[in-house]
């Protein structure tokens, strides 16, 4: 339940609140009554509270994750990946393979 409590606000904050009256309540700032000023202040405080909670839930965790990724990326070490070992061919088969492979290219060069 709402409690009637008078709160004094600084002049610059009142100017800000009155400037938001058209956007929040659709009432020009010159036509704002004291009761409407209270309602407007409560709505703006509620908007700021919602925005702050959304910021905590959405933006800050994303930003924190991004920063952790940058820091983790800068401290990571380069790790060599082991190459798969191919079975070694006997010397004679290796030479036959190389000569057959080279012959393919020689045939292409003579045909052209």
Protein backbone atom coordinates (compact mmCIF):
# COMPACT_ATOMS: atom_id res chain seq x y z
CA UNK A 1 0.00 0.00 0.00
CA UNK A 2 1.29 3.46 -0.83
CA UNK A 3 2.27 5.69 2.04
CA UNK A 4 1.93 9.44 1.76
CA UNK A 5 5.43 10.72 2.33
CA UNK A 6 6.68 14.06 1.21
CA UNK A 7 10.07 14.01 -0.37
CA UNK A 8 12.02 17.03 -1.39
CA UNK A 9 13.80 16.83 -4.73
CA UNK A 10 16.49 19.06 -6.12
CA UNK A 11 15.57 21.62 -8.77
CA UNK A 12 17.58 19.95 -11.55
CA UNK A 13 15.87 16.61 -10.88
CA UNK A 14 12.47 18.30 -10.96
CA UNK A 15 13.35 19.82 -14.34
CA UNK A 16 14.26 16.35 -15.61
CA UNK A 17 11.05 14.80 -14.26
CA UNK A 18 8.91 17.55 -15.76
CA UNK A 19 10.69 17.15 -19.10
CA UNK A 20 9.60 13.49 -19.15
CA UNK A 21 5.91 14.25 -18.50
CA UNK A 22 4.90 14.38 -22.18
CA UNK A 23 6.60 11.06 -22.93
CA UNK A 24 5.43 9.16 -19.85
CA UNK A 25 1.97 10.57 -19.16
CA UNK A 26 1.09 12.59 -22.23
CA UNK A 27 0.72 15.78 -20.19
CA UNK A 28 2.67 18.93 -21.11
CA UNK A 29 5.12 19.95 -18.37
CA UNK A 30 3.41 23.36 -17.92
CA UNK A 31 0.05 21.71 -17.08
CA UNK A 32 1.44 19.21 -14.55
CA UNK A 33 -0.30 19.28 -11.15
CA UNK A 34 1.36 18.29 -7.87
CA UNK A 35 -0.44 14.93 -7.83
CA UNK A 36 0.57 14.23 -11.43
CA UNK A 37 4.17 15.21 -10.57
CA UNK A 38 4.14 12.55 -7.83
CA UNK A 39 2.71 9.94 -10.21
CA UNK A 40 5.22 10.90 -12.88
CA UNK A 41 8.11 10.65 -10.42
CA UNK A 42 6.99 7.19 -9.34
CA UNK A 43 6.70 6.01 -12.95
CA UNK A 44 10.14 7.33 -13.85
CA UNK A 45 11.67 5.68 -10.80
CA UNK A 46 9.99 2.43 -11.81
CA UNK A 47 11.30 2.77 -15.40
CA UNK A 48 14.82 3.30 -14.11
CA UNK A 49 14.49 0.31 -11.80
CA UNK A 50 13.36 -1.90 -14.69
CA UNK A 51 16.15 -0.62 -16.92
CA UNK A 52 18.71 -1.29 -14.22
CA UNK A 53 17.49 -4.85 -13.68
CA UNK A 54 17.49 -5.50 -17.43
CA UNK A 55 21.03 -4.17 -17.63
CA UNK A 56 22.12 -6.52 -14.88
CA UNK A 57 20.40 -9.51 -16.48
CA UNK A 58 21.28 -8.95 -20.13
CA UNK A 59 24.14 -6.62 -20.89
CA UNK A 60 26.50 -7.10 -17.96
CA UNK A 61 26.72 -10.93 -18.25
CA UNK A 62 27.29 -10.66 -22.01
CA UNK A 63 29.93 -8.00 -21.55
CA UNK A 64 31.58 -9.98 -18.77
CA UNK A 65 31.63 -13.12 -20.93
CA UNK A 66 33.14 -11.20 -23.82
CA UNK A 67 35.84 -9.74 -21.57
CA UNK A 68 36.61 -13.16 -20.09
CA UNK A 69 36.96 -14.48 -23.64
CA UNK A 70 39.45 -11.76 -24.46
CA UNK A 71 41.48 -12.42 -21.34
CA UNK A 72 41.36 -16.19 -21.83
CA UNK A 73 42.37 -15.75 -25.47
CA UNK A 74 45.42 -13.71 -24.57
CA UNK A 75 46.67 -16.24 -22.01
CA UNK A 76 46.16 -19.31 -24.14
CA UNK A 77 49.19 -21.21 -25.36
CA UNK A 78 49.71 -22.54 -28.84
CA UNK A 79 49.49 -26.29 -28.81
CA UNK A 80 50.84 -28.34 -31.67
CA UNK A 81 48.44 -30.91 -33.03
CA UNK A 82 50.08 -34.25 -33.66
CA UNK A 83 50.03 -35.30 -37.30
CA UNK A 84 48.70 -38.68 -38.20
CA UNK A 85 51.49 -41.10 -38.93
CA UNK A 86 51.36 -42.72 -42.34
CA UNK A 87 52.77 -46.19 -42.68
CA UNK A 88 56.22 -46.07 -44.24
CA UNK A 89 56.49 -47.67 -47.66
CA UNK A 90 59.44 -49.89 -48.41
CA UNK A 91 62.14 -48.06 -50.39
CA UNK A 92 61.41 -49.83 -53.69
CA UNK A 93 57.63 -49.18 -53.51
CA UNK A 94 58.30 -45.55 -52.57
CA UNK A 95 60.49 -45.06 -55.65
CA UNK A 96 57.91 -46.74 -57.91
CA UNK A 97 55.19 -44.49 -56.54
CA UNK A 98 57.28 -41.35 -57.14
CA UNK A 99 58.14 -42.33 -60.70
CA UNK A 100 54.50 -43.19 -61.55
CA UNK A 101 53.35 -39.91 -60.04
CA UNK A 102 55.92 -37.89 -62.02
CA UNK A 103 55.04 -39.75 -65.22
CA UNK A 104 51.46 -38.44 -65.03
CA UNK A 105 52.72 -34.88 -65.25
CA UNK A 106 55.17 -35.63 -68.02
CA UNK A 107 52.34 -37.10 -70.11
CA UNK A 108 50.26 -33.96 -69.54
CA UNK A 109 53.14 -31.69 -70.59
CA UNK A 110 53.82 -33.71 -73.81
CA UNK A 111 50.14 -33.72 -74.74
CA UNK A 112 49.87 -29.96 -74.46
